Amino acid sequence: MITYAPLMATLHKKQISKTELQKGIGTSSATIAKISKDQYVSMKIINNICAYLDCNDINEVIEYVKEDHKA
C-alpha cells in the first residue's frame, strides 16, 4: 500500500497547508482529499508535488507499506 504520510510530515516541516499545496500545484480539493485518505492519485500529481516542494527524494512524499494479507 502506498501512503502519503511522509507528505503530511513534509508539509508540516515546511509549514505549508494542504490548501497552499492545492493552489501551488493547481489541483482540486478532491485530489487533496484523496491524498489525505491514501487513495490513488496520478504520477503527474506526485511529480507536481515533488517539484512544488523541491524534494530531493520521493520518500519525502510517499512510502510503500507492505500489507499483511493473513486471514
PDB file of N, CA and C in Angstrom:
ATOM      1  N   MET A   1       0.849  -1.177   0.000  1.00  0.00           N
ATOM      2  CA  MET A   1       0.000   0.000   0.000  1.00  0.00           C
ATOM      3  C   MET A   1       0.893   1.239   0.000  1.00  0.00           C
ATOM      4  N   ILE A   2       0.518   2.196  -0.774  1.00  0.00           N
ATOM      5  CA  ILE A   2       1.223   3.478  -0.795  1.00  0.00           C
ATOM      6  C   ILE A   2       0.551   4.414   0.204  1.00  0.00           C
ATOM      7  N   THR A   3       1.357   5.058   1.017  1.00  0.00           N
ATOM      8  CA  THR A   3       0.838   6.030   1.969  1.00  0.00           C
ATOM      9  C   THR A   3       1.490   7.389   1.711  1.00  0.00           C
ATOM     10  N   TYR A   4       0.737   8.415   1.978  1.00  0.00           N
ATOM     11  CA  TYR A   4       1.227   9.779   1.812  1.00  0.00           C
ATOM     12  C   TYR A   4       1.602  10.399   3.156  1.00  0.00           C
ATOM     13  N   ALA A   5       1.804   9.571   4.173  1.00  0.00           N
ATOM     14  CA  ALA A   5       2.207  10.071   5.492  1.00  0.00           C
ATOM     15  C   ALA A   5       3.479  10.922   5.416  1.00  0.00           C
ATOM     16  N   PRO A   6       4.473  10.522   4.612  1.00  0.00           N
ATOM     17  CA  PRO A   6       5.658  11.381   4.510  1.00  0.00           C
ATOM     18  C   PRO A   6       5.343  12.773   3.949  1.00  0.00           C
ATOM     19  N   LEU A   7       4.370  12.849   3.060  1.00  0.00           N
ATOM     20  CA  LEU A   7       3.970  14.150   2.521  1.00  0.00           C
ATOM     21  C   LEU A   7       3.423  15.033   3.629  1.00  0.00           C
ATOM     22  N   MET A   8       2.571  14.459   4.479  1.00  0.00           N
ATOM     23  CA  MET A   8       2.000  15.245   5.571  1.00  0.00           C
ATOM     24  C   MET A   8       3.103  15.758   6.496  1.00  0.00           C
ATOM     25  N   ALA A   9       4.107  14.910   6.755  1.00  0.00           N
ATOM     26  CA  ALA A   9       5.238  15.323   7.591  1.00  0.00           C
ATOM     27  C   ALA A   9       6.049  16.425   6.903  1.00  0.00           C
ATOM     28  N   THR A  10       6.248  16.296   5.602  1.00  0.00           N
ATOM     29  CA  THR A  10       6.988  17.305   4.841  1.00  0.00           C
ATOM     30  C   THR A  10       6.242  18.635   4.838  1.00  0.00           C
ATOM     31  N   LEU A  11       4.925  18.581   4.644  1.00  0.00           N
ATOM     32  CA  LEU A  11       4.125  19.810   4.678  1.00  0.00           C
ATOM     33  C   LEU A  11       4.246  20.487   6.038  1.00  0.00           C
ATOM     34  N   HIS A  12       4.155  19.687   7.096  1.00  0.00           N
ATOM     35  CA  HIS A  12       4.262  20.230   8.454  1.00  0.00           C
ATOM     36  C   HIS A  12       5.641  20.867   8.665  1.00  0.00           C
ATOM     37  N   LYS A  13       6.675  20.150   8.245  1.00  0.00           N
ATOM     38  CA  LYS A  13       8.052  20.635   8.408  1.00  0.00           C
ATOM     39  C   LYS A  13       8.272  21.955   7.665  1.00  0.00           C
ATOM     40  N   LYS A  14       7.693  22.063   6.471  1.00  0.00           N
ATOM     41  CA  LYS A  14       7.869  23.265   5.652  1.00  0.00           C
ATOM     42  C   LYS A  14       6.792  24.313   5.912  1.00  0.00           C
ATOM     43  N   GLN A  15       5.900  24.016   6.860  1.00  0.00           N
ATOM     44  CA  GLN A  15       4.807  24.916   7.238  1.00  0.00           C
ATOM     45  C   GLN A  15       3.966  25.324   6.032  1.00  0.00           C
ATOM     46  N   ILE A  16       3.565  24.301   5.272  1.00  0.00           N
ATOM     47  CA  ILE A  16       2.707  24.501   4.105  1.00  0.00           C
ATOM     48  C   ILE A  16       1.388  23.784   4.370  1.00  0.00           C
ATOM     49  N   SER A  17       0.284  24.479   4.189  1.00  0.00           N
ATOM     50  CA  SER A  17      -1.024  23.863   4.406  1.00  0.00           C
ATOM     51  C   SER A  17      -1.437  23.056   3.176  1.00  0.00           C
ATOM     52  N   LYS A  18      -2.420  22.200   3.364  1.00  0.00           N
ATOM     53  CA  LYS A  18      -2.953  21.428   2.238  1.00  0.00           C
ATOM     54  C   LYS A  18      -3.560  22.364   1.190  1.00  0.00           C
ATOM     55  N   THR A  19      -4.177  23.445   1.645  1.00  0.00           N
ATOM     56  CA  THR A  19      -4.759  24.419   0.721  1.00  0.00           C
ATOM     57  C   THR A  19      -3.669  25.105  -0.102  1.00  0.00           C
ATOM     58  N   GLU A  20      -2.571  25.448   0.548  1.00  0.00           N
ATOM     59  CA  GLU A  20      -1.446  26.050  -0.181  1.00  0.00           C
ATOM     60  C   GLU A  20      -0.887  25.068  -1.204  1.00  0.00           C
ATOM     61  N   LEU A  21      -0.775  23.801  -0.814  1.00  0.00           N
ATOM     62  CA  LEU A  21      -0.299  22.773  -1.736  1.00  0.00           C
ATOM     63  C   LEU A  21      -1.242  22.665  -2.926  1.00  0.00           C
ATOM     64  N   GLN A  22      -2.536  22.613  -2.643  1.00  0.00           N
ATOM     65  CA  GLN A  22      -3.544  22.506  -3.702  1.00  0.00           C
ATOM     66  C   GLN A  22      -3.386  23.635  -4.712  1.00  0.00           C
ATOM     67  N   LYS A  23      -3.301  24.852  -4.217  1.00  0.00           N
ATOM     68  CA  LYS A  23      -3.164  26.010  -5.107  1.00  0.00           C
ATOM     69  C   LYS A  23      -1.815  26.006  -5.813  1.00  0.00           C
ATOM     70  N   GLY A  24      -0.779  25.601  -5.098  1.00  0.00           N
ATOM     71  CA  GLY A  24       0.570  25.609  -5.647  1.00  0.00           C
ATOM     72  C   GLY A  24       0.775  24.648  -6.798  1.00  0.00           C
ATOM     73  N   ILE A  25       0.063  23.514  -6.757  1.00  0.00           N
ATOM     74  CA  ILE A  25       0.213  22.535  -7.842  1.00  0.00           C
ATOM     75  C   ILE A  25      -0.950  22.595  -8.824  1.00  0.00           C
ATOM     76  N   GLY A  26      -1.917  23.458  -8.545  1.00  0.00           N
ATOM     77  CA  GLY A  26      -3.034  23.643  -9.471  1.00  0.00           C
ATOM     78  C   GLY A  26      -3.931  22.435  -9.591  1.00  0.00           C
ATOM     79  N   THR A  27      -4.319  21.881  -8.455  1.00  0.00           N
ATOM     80  CA  THR A  27      -5.196  20.708  -8.462  1.00  0.00           C
ATOM     81  C   THR A  27      -6.471  20.999  -7.687  1.00  0.00           C
ATOM     82  N   SER A  28      -7.357  20.037  -7.649  1.00  0.00           N
ATOM     83  CA  SER A  28      -8.648  20.216  -6.980  1.00  0.00           C
ATOM     84  C   SER A  28      -8.584  19.800  -5.514  1.00  0.00           C
ATOM     85  N   SER A  29      -9.571  20.253  -4.763  1.00  0.00           N
ATOM     86  CA  SER A  29      -9.671  19.835  -3.364  1.00  0.00           C
ATOM     87  C   SER A  29      -9.968  18.343  -3.278  1.00  0.00           C
ATOM     88  N   ALA A  30     -10.618  17.787  -4.296  1.00  0.00           N
ATOM     89  CA  ALA A  30     -10.902  16.345  -4.322  1.00  0.00           C
ATOM     90  C   ALA A  30      -9.605  15.536  -4.384  1.00  0.00           C
ATOM     91  N   THR A  31      -8.633  16.024  -5.127  1.00  0.00           N
ATOM     92  CA  THR A  31      -7.340  15.335  -5.210  1.00  0.00           C
ATOM     93  C   THR A  31      -6.628  15.379  -3.868  1.00  0.00           C
ATOM     94  N   ILE A  32      -6.671  16.506  -3.201  1.00  0.00           N
ATOM     95  CA  ILE A  32      -6.050  16.628  -1.880  1.00  0.00           C
ATOM     96  C   ILE A  32      -6.759  15.702  -0.895  1.00  0.00           C
ATOM     97  N   ALA A  33      -8.076  15.580  -1.012  1.00  0.00           N
ATOM     98  CA  ALA A  33      -8.829  14.663  -0.151  1.00  0.00           C
ATOM     99  C   ALA A  33      -8.399  13.220  -0.395  1.00  0.00           C
ATOM    100  N   LYS A  34      -8.176  12.850  -1.652  1.00  0.00           N
ATOM    101  CA  LYS A  34      -7.697  11.500  -1.973  1.00  0.00           C
ATOM    102  C   LYS A  34      -6.346  11.239  -1.328  1.00  0.00           C
ATOM    103  N   ILE A  35      -5.470  12.213  -1.405  1.00  0.00           N
ATOM    104  CA  ILE A  35      -4.154  12.076  -0.786  1.00  0.00           C
ATOM    105  C   ILE A  35      -4.303  11.880   0.718  1.00  0.00           C
ATOM    106  N   SER A  36      -5.185  12.637   1.337  1.00  0.00           N
ATOM    107  CA  SER A  36      -5.405  12.542   2.780  1.00  0.00           C
ATOM    108  C   SER A  36      -5.924  11.174   3.195  1.00  0.00           C
ATOM    109  N   LYS A  37      -6.591  10.488   2.256  1.00  0.00           N
ATOM    110  CA  LYS A  37      -7.149   9.157   2.528  1.00  0.00           C
ATOM    111  C   LYS A  37      -6.274   8.039   1.965  1.00  0.00           C
ATOM    112  N   ASP A  38      -5.056   8.372   1.550  1.00  0.00           N
ATOM    113  CA  ASP A  38      -4.127   7.400   0.948  1.00  0.00           C
ATOM    114  C   ASP A  38      -4.736   6.691  -0.253  1.00  0.00           C
ATOM    115  N   GLN A  39      -5.488   7.426  -1.048  1.00  0.00           N
ATOM    116  CA  GLN A  39      -6.075   6.874  -2.264  1.00  0.00           C
ATOM    117  C   GLN A  39      -5.210   7.229  -3.464  1.00  0.00           C
ATOM    118  N   TYR A  40      -5.490   6.577  -4.587  1.00  0.00           N
ATOM    119  CA  TYR A  40      -4.710   6.766  -5.807  1.00  0.00           C
ATOM    120  C   TYR A  40      -4.772   8.205  -6.320  1.00  0.00           C
ATOM    121  N   VAL A  41      -3.614   8.727  -6.662  1.00  0.00           N
ATOM    122  CA  VAL A  41      -3.510   9.941  -7.472  1.00  0.00           C
ATOM    123  C   VAL A  41      -2.469   9.657  -8.547  1.00  0.00           C
ATOM    124  N   SER A  42      -2.542  10.368  -9.637  1.00  0.00           N
ATOM    125  CA  SER A  42      -1.669  10.093 -10.782  1.00  0.00           C
ATOM    126  C   SER A  42      -0.208  10.445 -10.488  1.00  0.00           C
ATOM    127  N   MET A  43       0.663   9.850 -11.290  1.00  0.00           N
ATOM    128  CA  MET A  43       2.088  10.160 -11.188  1.00  0.00           C
ATOM    129  C   MET A  43       2.339  11.633 -11.514  1.00  0.00           C
ATOM    130  N   LYS A  44       1.513  12.199 -12.369  1.00  0.00           N
ATOM    131  CA  LYS A  44       1.648  13.621 -12.700  1.00  0.00           C
ATOM    132  C   LYS A  44       1.458  14.473 -11.447  1.00  0.00           C
ATOM    133  N   ILE A  45       0.464  14.130 -10.644  1.00  0.00           N
ATOM    134  CA  ILE A  45       0.219  14.865  -9.398  1.00  0.00           C
ATOM    135  C   ILE A  45       1.406  14.701  -8.456  1.00  0.00           C
ATOM    136  N   ILE A  46       1.890  13.472  -8.313  1.00  0.00           N
ATOM    137  CA  ILE A  46       3.041  13.223  -7.439  1.00  0.00           C
ATOM    138  C   ILE A  46       4.252  14.014  -7.932  1.00  0.00           C
ATOM    139  N   ASN A  47       4.458  14.032  -9.237  1.00  0.00           N
ATOM    140  CA  ASN A  47       5.555  14.808  -9.817  1.00  0.00           C
ATOM    141  C   ASN A  47       5.395  16.296  -9.512  1.00  0.00           C
ATOM    142  N   ASN A  48       4.179  16.809  -9.663  1.00  0.00           N
ATOM    143  CA  ASN A  48       3.920  18.224  -9.382  1.00  0.00           C
ATOM    144  C   ASN A  48       4.178  18.556  -7.915  1.00  0.00           C
ATOM    145  N   ILE A  49       3.797  17.638  -7.032  1.00  0.00           N
ATOM    146  CA  ILE A  49       4.037  17.833  -5.597  1.00  0.00           C
ATOM    147  C   ILE A  49       5.543  17.897  -5.333  1.00  0.00           C
ATOM    148  N   CYS A  50       6.277  16.943  -5.893  1.00  0.00           N
ATOM    149  CA  CYS A  50       7.733  16.913  -5.695  1.00  0.00           C
ATOM    150  C   CYS A  50       8.387  18.194  -6.206  1.00  0.00           C
ATOM    151  N   ALA A  51       7.956  18.661  -7.363  1.00  0.00           N
ATOM    152  CA  ALA A  51       8.515  19.892  -7.929  1.00  0.00           C
ATOM    153  C   ALA A  51       8.176  21.094  -7.049  1.00  0.00           C
ATOM    154  N   TYR A  52       6.925  21.182  -6.617  1.00  0.00           N
ATOM    155  CA  TYR A  52       6.486  22.308  -5.794  1.00  0.00           C
ATOM    156  C   TYR A  52       7.237  22.355  -4.465  1.00  0.00           C
ATOM    157  N   LEU A  53       7.446  21.181  -3.865  1.00  0.00           N
ATOM    158  CA  LEU A  53       8.119  21.115  -2.567  1.00  0.00           C
ATOM    159  C   LEU A  53       9.643  21.063  -2.693  1.00  0.00           C
ATOM    160  N   ASP A  54      10.141  21.041  -3.929  1.00  0.00           N
ATOM    161  CA  ASP A  54      11.581  20.953  -4.185  1.00  0.00           C
ATOM    162  C   ASP A  54      12.193  19.758  -3.445  1.00  0.00           C
ATOM    163  N   CYS A  55      11.576  18.604  -3.631  1.00  0.00           N
ATOM    164  CA  CYS A  55      12.007  17.381  -2.949  1.00  0.00           C
ATOM    165  C   CYS A  55      13.338  16.878  -3.494  1.00  0.00           C
ATOM    166  N   ASN A  56      14.118  16.285  -2.617  1.00  0.00           N
ATOM    167  CA  ASN A  56      15.356  15.622  -3.005  1.00  0.00           C
ATOM    168  C   ASN A  56      15.137  14.132  -3.223  1.00  0.00           C
ATOM    169  N   ASP A  57      14.037  13.613  -2.669  1.00  0.00           N
ATOM    170  CA  ASP A  57      13.775  12.179  -2.703  1.00  0.00           C
ATOM    171  C   ASP A  57      12.265  11.945  -2.660  1.00  0.00           C
ATOM    172  N   ILE A  58      11.810  10.954  -3.403  1.00  0.00           N
ATOM    173  CA  ILE A  58      10.379  10.609  -3.432  1.00  0.00           C
ATOM    174  C   ILE A  58       9.871  10.212  -2.047  1.00  0.00           C
ATOM    175  N   ASN A  59      10.782   9.761  -1.178  1.00  0.00           N
ATOM    176  CA  ASN A  59      10.398   9.366   0.179  1.00  0.00           C
ATOM    177  C   ASN A  59       9.927  10.542   1.025  1.00  0.00           C
ATOM    178  N   GLU A  60      10.077  11.741   0.518  1.00  0.00           N
ATOM    179  CA  GLU A  60       9.533  12.910   1.203  1.00  0.00           C
ATOM    180  C   GLU A  60       8.036  13.047   0.941  1.00  0.00           C
ATOM    181  N   VAL A  61       7.523  12.253  -0.004  1.00  0.00           N
ATOM    182  CA  VAL A  61       6.122  12.369  -0.421  1.00  0.00           C
ATOM    183  C   VAL A  61       5.344  11.071  -0.212  1.00  0.00           C
ATOM    184  N   ILE A  62       5.923   9.948  -0.603  1.00  0.00           N
ATOM    185  CA  ILE A  62       5.215   8.667  -0.489  1.00  0.00           C
ATOM    186  C   ILE A  62       6.091   7.617   0.175  1.00  0.00           C
ATOM    187  N   GLU A  63       5.406   6.581   0.665  1.00  0.00           N
ATOM    188  CA  GLU A  63       6.095   5.444   1.271  1.00  0.00           C
ATOM    189  C   GLU A  63       5.304   4.182   0.945  1.00  0.00           C
ATOM    190  N   TYR A  64       6.019   3.104   0.674  1.00  0.00           N
ATOM    191  CA  TYR A  64       5.375   1.811   0.463  1.00  0.00           C
ATOM    192  C   TYR A  64       5.339   1.077   1.790  1.00  0.00           C
ATOM    193  N   VAL A  65       4.149   0.628   2.175  1.00  0.00           N
ATOM    194  CA  VAL A  65       3.966  -0.145   3.397  1.00  0.00           C
ATOM    195  C   VAL A  65       3.392  -1.491   2.997  1.00  0.00           C
ATOM    196  N   LYS A  66       4.119  -2.547   3.313  1.00  0.00           N
ATOM    197  CA  LYS A  66       3.673  -3.891   2.966  1.00  0.00           C
ATOM    198  C   LYS A  66       2.411  -4.229   3.757  1.00  0.00           C
ATOM    199  N   GLU A  67       1.412  -4.716   3.031  1.00  0.00           N
ATOM    200  CA  GLU A  67       0.151  -5.088   3.668  1.00  0.00           C
ATOM    201  C   GLU A  67       0.218  -6.525   4.144  1.00  0.00           C
ATOM    202  N   ASP A  68      -0.384  -6.786   5.274  1.00  0.00           N
ATOM    203  CA  ASP A  68      -0.449  -8.139   5.820  1.00  0.00           C
ATOM    204  C   ASP A  68      -1.725  -8.788   5.302  1.00  0.00           C
ATOM    205  N   HIS A  69      -1.582  -9.806   4.458  1.00  0.00           N
ATOM    206  CA  HIS A  69      -2.740 -10.466   3.842  1.00  0.00           C
ATOM    207  C   HIS A  69      -3.117 -11.765   4.532  1.00  0.00           C
ATOM    208  N   LYS A  70      -2.728 -11.933   5.778  1.00  0.00           N
ATOM    209  CA  LYS A  70      -3.073 -13.157   6.507  1.00  0.00           C
ATOM    210  C   LYS A  70      -4.555 -13.160   6.838  1.00  0.00           C
ATOM    211  N   ALA A  71      -5.151 -14.331   6.745  1.00  0.00           N
ATOM    212  CA  ALA A  71      -6.592 -14.461   7.020  1.00  0.00           C
ATOM    213  C   ALA A  71      -6.852 -14.670   8.484  1.00  0.00           C
TER     214      ALA A  71
END
